Amino acid sequence: MFVHGNPETAAIWGPLIEVLDLEDVIAVSPPGFGAQLPAGFGSTSDDYLAWLVNELEKMPQPVDLVGHDWGGGHVVRVAIERPDLIRSWVTDIAGCMAPDYVWHDMAQIWQTSGAGEEAVAAMLAGTMFDRAQMYESLGMTPEVALEVSRATNEEMGKSILALYRSAAQPAMAQLGARLGEASSRPGLV
């Protein structure tokens, strides 16, 4: 199971899944990031943990769980909180869990009331094609960039703000302090 991050959708995994050519691979989109927000979903880190646990409980076991960007953060939380649901796990954002980690500039803006809302409004102000070009500049294929651009909407903007605000320091450092608890299952960082 592949879990993506921000601002993305499951479309980012398409080229990799195609190359893997396996029948038992799926990519899931967190609510607000390519999937509809359920009623009452607050888009906090805790909400995404509960969402991913629910998704895993529906899957035949064992599951190898791979996360990119914020998906990697959600994966680590599962590896710590519910290792019984997975066989192995992968994350690419362990650096965010260091005790002295400082969020990147955009994350700090998203974590700031007022400034975060302005940044999201600016992100949504362009056309779908403008956003697709921006996503291509970040390394997405044109097809994936267009797919992600189609899903970039107010729900995603609200989800970005809530997620980053719920993970402001010391939240990530506290998660990092628990990273050893994920060692009951093989992990790749």
C-alpha atoms as a PDB file:
ATOM      1  CA  MET A   1       0.000   0.000   0.000  1.00  0.00           C
ATOM      2  CA  PHE A   2       1.389   3.377  -1.060  1.00  0.00           C
ATOM      3  CA  VAL A   3       0.431   6.601   0.760  1.00  0.00           C
ATOM      4  CA  HIS A   4       1.325   9.999  -0.712  1.00  0.00           C
ATOM      5  CA  GLY A   5       1.866  13.408   0.806  1.00  0.00           C
ATOM      6  CA  ASN A   6       1.225  17.082   0.157  1.00  0.00           C
ATOM      7  CA  PRO A   7       0.097  18.549  -2.243  1.00  0.00           C
ATOM      8  CA  GLU A   8      -0.379  15.303  -4.097  1.00  0.00           C
ATOM      9  CA  THR A   9      -2.824  12.540  -4.984  1.00  0.00           C
ATOM     10  CA  ALA A  10      -2.407   8.812  -5.508  1.00  0.00           C
ATOM     11  CA  ALA A  11      -1.615   9.649  -9.143  1.00  0.00           C
ATOM     12  CA  ILE A  12       2.025  10.207  -8.170  1.00  0.00           C
ATOM     13  CA  TRP A  13       2.394   6.458  -7.605  1.00  0.00           C
ATOM     14  CA  GLY A  14       1.081   5.504 -11.084  1.00  0.00           C
ATOM     15  CA  PRO A  15       4.425   5.387 -12.899  1.00  0.00           C
ATOM     16  CA  LEU A  16       6.021   3.315 -10.104  1.00  0.00           C
ATOM     17  CA  ILE A  17       3.101   0.901  -9.831  1.00  0.00           C
ATOM     18  CA  GLU A  18       3.230   0.407 -13.598  1.00  0.00           C
ATOM     19  CA  VAL A  19       6.918  -0.533 -13.413  1.00  0.00           C
ATOM     20  CA  LEU A  20       6.363  -2.860 -10.440  1.00  0.00           C
ATOM     21  CA  ASP A  21       3.796  -4.794 -12.473  1.00  0.00           C
ATOM     22  CA  LEU A  22       2.331  -6.458  -9.374  1.00  0.00           C
ATOM     23  CA  GLU A  23      -1.318  -7.319  -8.888  1.00  0.00           C
ATOM     24  CA  ASP A  24      -1.500  -6.662  -5.156  1.00  0.00           C
ATOM     25  CA  VAL A  25      -0.319  -3.038  -5.069  1.00  0.00           C
ATOM     26  CA  ILE A  26      -2.659  -0.185  -4.252  1.00  0.00           C
ATOM     27  CA  ALA A  27      -2.241   3.534  -3.697  1.00  0.00           C
ATOM     28  CA  VAL A  28      -4.560   5.360  -1.336  1.00  0.00           C
ATOM     29  CA  SER A  29      -5.264   9.076  -1.094  1.00  0.00           C
ATOM     30  CA  PRO A  30      -5.656  10.656   2.334  1.00  0.00           C
ATOM     31  CA  PRO A  31      -8.875  12.649   2.759  1.00  0.00           C
ATOM     32  CA  GLY A  32      -8.492  16.133   1.322  1.00  0.00           C
ATOM     33  CA  PHE A  33      -5.558  15.041  -0.828  1.00  0.00           C
ATOM     34  CA  GLY A  34      -7.352  13.423  -3.740  1.00  0.00           C
ATOM     35  CA  ALA A  35     -10.085  11.818  -1.633  1.00  0.00           C
ATOM     36  CA  GLN A  36     -13.203  13.516  -0.296  1.00  0.00           C
ATOM     37  CA  LEU A  37     -13.165  14.756   3.283  1.00  0.00           C
ATOM     38  CA  PRO A  38     -15.614  12.767   5.418  1.00  0.00           C
ATOM     39  CA  ALA A  39     -18.008  14.732   7.626  1.00  0.00           C
ATOM     40  CA  GLY A  40     -16.283  15.803  10.824  1.00  0.00           C
ATOM     41  CA  PHE A  41     -12.782  14.941   9.584  1.00  0.00           C
ATOM     42  CA  GLY A  42     -10.429  17.546  11.035  1.00  0.00           C
ATOM     43  CA  SER A  43      -7.365  16.784   8.853  1.00  0.00           C
ATOM     44  CA  THR A  44      -5.036  16.618  11.857  1.00  0.00           C
ATOM     45  CA  SER A  45      -2.202  14.153  12.187  1.00  0.00           C
ATOM     46  CA  ASP A  46      -4.375  12.139  14.600  1.00  0.00           C
ATOM     47  CA  ASP A  47      -7.225  12.102  12.066  1.00  0.00           C
ATOM     48  CA  TYR A  48      -4.890  10.783   9.365  1.00  0.00           C
ATOM     49  CA  LEU A  49      -3.588   8.076  11.704  1.00  0.00           C
ATOM     50  CA  ALA A  50      -7.183   6.926  12.347  1.00  0.00           C
ATOM     51  CA  TRP A  51      -7.946   7.063   8.601  1.00  0.00           C
ATOM     52  CA  LEU A  52      -4.901   4.972   7.656  1.00  0.00           C
ATOM     53  CA  VAL A  53      -5.585   2.423  10.410  1.00  0.00           C
ATOM     54  CA  ASN A  54      -9.127   2.084   9.034  1.00  0.00           C
ATOM     55  CA  GLU A  55      -7.794   1.577   5.490  1.00  0.00           C
ATOM     56  CA  LEU A  56      -5.332  -1.065   6.691  1.00  0.00           C
ATOM     57  CA  GLU A  57      -7.984  -2.920   8.663  1.00  0.00           C
ATOM     58  CA  LYS A  58      -9.883  -3.442   5.389  1.00  0.00           C
ATOM     59  CA  MET A  59      -6.833  -5.012   3.697  1.00  0.00           C
ATOM     60  CA  PRO A  60      -5.817  -8.656   3.681  1.00  0.00           C
ATOM     61  CA  GLN A  61      -2.742  -9.011   5.867  1.00  0.00           C
ATOM     62  CA  PRO A  62       0.206  -8.694   5.762  1.00  0.00           C
ATOM     63  CA  VAL A  63       0.661  -5.218   4.311  1.00  0.00           C
ATOM     64  CA  ASP A  64       3.911  -3.587   3.274  1.00  0.00           C
ATOM     65  CA  LEU A  65       3.262   0.127   3.834  1.00  0.00           C
ATOM     66  CA  VAL A  66       5.191   2.780   1.884  1.00  0.00           C
ATOM     67  CA  GLY A  67       4.856   6.505   2.511  1.00  0.00           C
ATOM     68  CA  HIS A  68       6.183   9.572   0.731  1.00  0.00           C
ATOM     69  CA  ASP A  69       6.262  13.056   2.245  1.00  0.00           C
ATOM     70  CA  TRP A  70       3.342  13.363   4.673  1.00  0.00           C
ATOM     71  CA  GLY A  71       2.324   9.826   3.736  1.00  0.00           C
ATOM     72  CA  GLY A  72       5.640   8.819   5.292  1.00  0.00           C
ATOM     73  CA  GLY A  73       4.649  10.580   8.492  1.00  0.00           C
ATOM     74  CA  HIS A  74       1.348   8.718   8.564  1.00  0.00           C
ATOM     75  CA  VAL A  75       3.203   5.444   7.958  1.00  0.00           C
ATOM     76  CA  VAL A  76       5.540   6.042  10.902  1.00  0.00           C
ATOM     77  CA  ARG A  77       2.570   6.704  13.158  1.00  0.00           C
ATOM     78  CA  VAL A  78       1.021   3.381  12.126  1.00  0.00           C
ATOM     79  CA  ALA A  79       4.339   1.573  12.644  1.00  0.00           C
ATOM     80  CA  ILE A  80       4.425   2.967  16.188  1.00  0.00           C
ATOM     81  CA  GLU A  81       0.741   2.756  17.128  1.00  0.00           C
ATOM     82  CA  ARG A  82      -0.530  -0.279  15.188  1.00  0.00           C
ATOM     83  CA  PRO A  83       2.386  -2.448  14.003  1.00  0.00           C
ATOM     84  CA  ASP A  84       0.022  -5.437  14.058  1.00  0.00           C
ATOM     85  CA  LEU A  85      -1.494  -4.125  10.810  1.00  0.00           C
ATOM     86  CA  ILE A  86       1.718  -4.166   8.773  1.00  0.00           C
ATOM     87  CA  ARG A  87       4.526  -6.496   7.756  1.00  0.00           C
ATOM     88  CA  SER A  88       6.977  -3.704   6.917  1.00  0.00           C
ATOM     89  CA  TRP A  89       7.095   0.055   6.475  1.00  0.00           C
ATOM     90  CA  VAL A  90       8.974   2.755   4.545  1.00  0.00           C
ATOM     91  CA  THR A  91       9.214   6.511   5.098  1.00  0.00           C
ATOM     92  CA  ASP A  92      11.227   9.228   3.394  1.00  0.00           C
ATOM     93  CA  ILE A  93      10.751  11.990   5.973  1.00  0.00           C
ATOM     94  CA  ALA A  94      12.513  10.769   9.119  1.00  0.00           C
ATOM     95  CA  GLY A  95      14.491  14.010   9.249  1.00  0.00           C
ATOM     96  CA  CYS A  96      11.287  15.822  10.240  1.00  0.00           C
ATOM     97  CA  MET A  97      11.333  13.859  13.474  1.00  0.00           C
ATOM     98  CA  ALA A  98      14.721  15.075  14.676  1.00  0.00           C
ATOM     99  CA  PRO A  99      14.570  16.977  17.987  1.00  0.00           C
ATOM    100  CA  ASP A 100      16.005  20.126  16.396  1.00  0.00           C
ATOM    101  CA  TYR A 101      14.066  19.941  13.111  1.00  0.00           C
ATOM    102  CA  VAL A 102      12.867  23.285  11.783  1.00  0.00           C
ATOM    103  CA  TRP A 103       9.997  23.157   9.310  1.00  0.00           C
ATOM    104  CA  HIS A 104      10.697  24.444   5.792  1.00  0.00           C
ATOM    105  CA  ASP A 105       9.627  28.000   4.980  1.00  0.00           C
ATOM    106  CA  MET A 106       6.299  27.126   3.354  1.00  0.00           C
ATOM    107  CA  ALA A 107       5.336  24.816   6.228  1.00  0.00           C
ATOM    108  CA  GLN A 108       6.026  27.644   8.676  1.00  0.00           C
ATOM    109  CA  ILE A 109       3.764  29.900   6.630  1.00  0.00           C
ATOM    110  CA  TRP A 110       1.011  27.240   6.609  1.00  0.00           C
ATOM    111  CA  GLN A 111       1.392  26.915  10.386  1.00  0.00           C
ATOM    112  CA  THR A 112       0.826  30.657  10.842  1.00  0.00           C
ATOM    113  CA  SER A 113      -2.753  31.878  11.139  1.00  0.00           C
ATOM    114  CA  GLY A 114      -3.601  34.376   8.416  1.00  0.00           C
ATOM    115  CA  ALA A 115      -0.394  33.882   6.435  1.00  0.00           C
ATOM    116  CA  GLY A 116      -1.290  30.228   5.836  1.00  0.00           C
ATOM    117  CA  GLU A 117      -4.722  31.125   4.511  1.00  0.00           C
ATOM    118  CA  GLU A 118      -3.158  33.725   2.189  1.00  0.00           C
ATOM    119  CA  ALA A 119      -0.644  31.178   0.872  1.00  0.00           C
ATOM    120  CA  VAL A 120      -3.388  28.634   0.191  1.00  0.00           C
ATOM    121  CA  ALA A 121      -5.502  31.271  -1.563  1.00  0.00           C
ATOM    122  CA  ALA A 122      -2.520  32.122  -3.792  1.00  0.00           C
ATOM    123  CA  MET A 123      -1.982  28.425  -4.549  1.00  0.00           C
ATOM    124  CA  LEU A 124      -5.617  28.088  -5.620  1.00  0.00           C
ATOM    125  CA  ALA A 125      -5.748  31.371  -7.566  1.00  0.00           C
ATOM    126  CA  GLY A 126      -4.050  30.095 -10.707  1.00  0.00           C
ATOM    127  CA  THR A 127      -5.639  27.924 -13.351  1.00  0.00           C
ATOM    128  CA  MET A 128      -5.485  24.153 -13.295  1.00  0.00           C
ATOM    129  CA  PHE A 129      -2.906  24.364 -16.090  1.00  0.00           C
ATOM    130  CA  ASP A 130      -0.762  26.876 -14.165  1.00  0.00           C
ATOM    131  CA  ARG A 131      -0.697  24.511 -11.195  1.00  0.00           C
ATOM    132  CA  ALA A 132       0.103  21.562 -13.448  1.00  0.00           C
ATOM    133  CA  GLN A 133       3.117  23.430 -14.834  1.00  0.00           C
ATOM    134  CA  MET A 134       4.274  24.157 -11.294  1.00  0.00           C
ATOM    135  CA  TYR A 135       3.901  20.470 -10.330  1.00  0.00           C
ATOM    136  CA  GLU A 136       5.862  19.475 -13.451  1.00  0.00           C
ATOM    137  CA  SER A 137       8.668  21.784 -12.319  1.00  0.00           C
ATOM    138  CA  LEU A 138       8.779  19.718  -9.112  1.00  0.00           C
ATOM    139  CA  GLY A 139       9.396  16.536 -11.113  1.00  0.00           C
ATOM    140  CA  MET A 140       5.930  15.164 -11.837  1.00  0.00           C
ATOM    141  CA  THR A 141       5.202  13.833 -15.300  1.00  0.00           C
ATOM    142  CA  PRO A 142       2.783  16.018 -17.294  1.00  0.00           C
ATOM    143  CA  GLU A 143      -0.023  13.456 -16.857  1.00  0.00           C
ATOM    144  CA  VAL A 144       0.494  13.136 -13.099  1.00  0.00           C
ATOM    145  CA  ALA A 145       0.864  16.909 -12.705  1.00  0.00           C
ATOM    146  CA  LEU A 146      -2.465  17.500 -14.426  1.00  0.00           C
ATOM    147  CA  GLU A 147      -4.178  14.853 -12.288  1.00  0.00           C
ATOM    148  CA  VAL A 148      -2.798  16.393  -9.080  1.00  0.00           C
ATOM    149  CA  SER A 149      -3.752  19.862 -10.288  1.00  0.00           C
ATOM    150  CA  ARG A 150      -7.359  18.743 -10.798  1.00  0.00           C
ATOM    151  CA  ALA A 151      -7.518  17.735  -7.116  1.00  0.00           C
ATOM    152  CA  THR A 152      -5.928  20.927  -5.797  1.00  0.00           C
ATOM    153  CA  ASN A 153      -8.941  22.644  -4.291  1.00  0.00           C
ATOM    154  CA  GLU A 154     -10.260  24.324  -1.153  1.00  0.00           C
ATOM    155  CA  GLU A 155     -10.554  20.973   0.653  1.00  0.00           C
ATOM    156  CA  MET A 156      -6.877  20.314   0.015  1.00  0.00           C
ATOM    157  CA  GLY A 157      -6.010  23.829   1.175  1.00  0.00           C
ATOM    158  CA  LYS A 158      -7.916  23.402   4.433  1.00  0.00           C
ATOM    159  CA  SER A 159      -6.341  19.990   4.928  1.00  0.00           C
ATOM    160  CA  ILE A 160      -2.843  21.379   4.387  1.00  0.00           C
ATOM    161  CA  LEU A 161      -3.382  24.040   7.038  1.00  0.00           C
ATOM    162  CA  ALA A 162      -4.900  21.696   9.615  1.00  0.00           C
ATOM    163  CA  LEU A 163      -2.277  18.994   9.094  1.00  0.00           C
ATOM    164  CA  TYR A 164       0.737  21.291   9.305  1.00  0.00           C
ATOM    165  CA  ARG A 165      -0.674  23.143  12.288  1.00  0.00           C
ATOM    166  CA  SER A 166      -1.271  19.867  14.128  1.00  0.00           C
ATOM    167  CA  ALA A 167       2.359  18.911  13.504  1.00  0.00           C
ATOM    168  CA  ALA A 168       4.055  22.133  14.587  1.00  0.00           C
ATOM    169  CA  GLN A 169       7.008  21.519  16.871  1.00  0.00           C
ATOM    170  CA  PRO A 170       7.322  19.906  19.326  1.00  0.00           C
ATOM    171  CA  ALA A 171       4.837  17.424  17.792  1.00  0.00           C
ATOM    172  CA  MET A 172       7.267  15.960  15.256  1.00  0.00           C
ATOM    173  CA  ALA A 173      10.127  15.781  17.779  1.00  0.00           C
ATOM    174  CA  GLN A 174       7.791  13.892  20.128  1.00  0.00           C
ATOM    175  CA  LEU A 175       7.010  11.459  17.324  1.00  0.00           C
ATOM    176  CA  GLY A 176      10.723  11.073  16.646  1.00  0.00           C
ATOM    177  CA  ALA A 177      11.347  10.231  20.293  1.00  0.00           C
ATOM    178  CA  ARG A 178       9.032   7.254  19.786  1.00  0.00           C
ATOM    179  CA  LEU A 179      10.556   6.079  16.500  1.00  0.00           C
ATOM    180  CA  GLY A 180      12.239   3.116  18.255  1.00  0.00           C
ATOM    181  CA  GLU A 181       8.775   1.737  18.990  1.00  0.00           C
ATOM    182  CA  ALA A 182       8.376   1.098  15.258  1.00  0.00           C
ATOM    183  CA  SER A 183      11.191  -1.478  15.354  1.00  0.00           C
ATOM    184  CA  SER A 184       8.800  -4.387  15.934  1.00  0.00           C
ATOM    185  CA  ARG A 185       8.419  -4.474  12.133  1.00  0.00           C
ATOM    186  CA  PRO A 186      11.142  -4.088   9.501  1.00  0.00           C
ATOM    187  CA  GLY A 187      11.372  -0.481   8.366  1.00  0.00           C
ATOM    188  CA  LEU A 188      13.279   1.472   5.773  1.00  0.00           C
ATOM    189  CA  VAL A 189      14.106   5.122   6.313  1.00  0.00           C
END
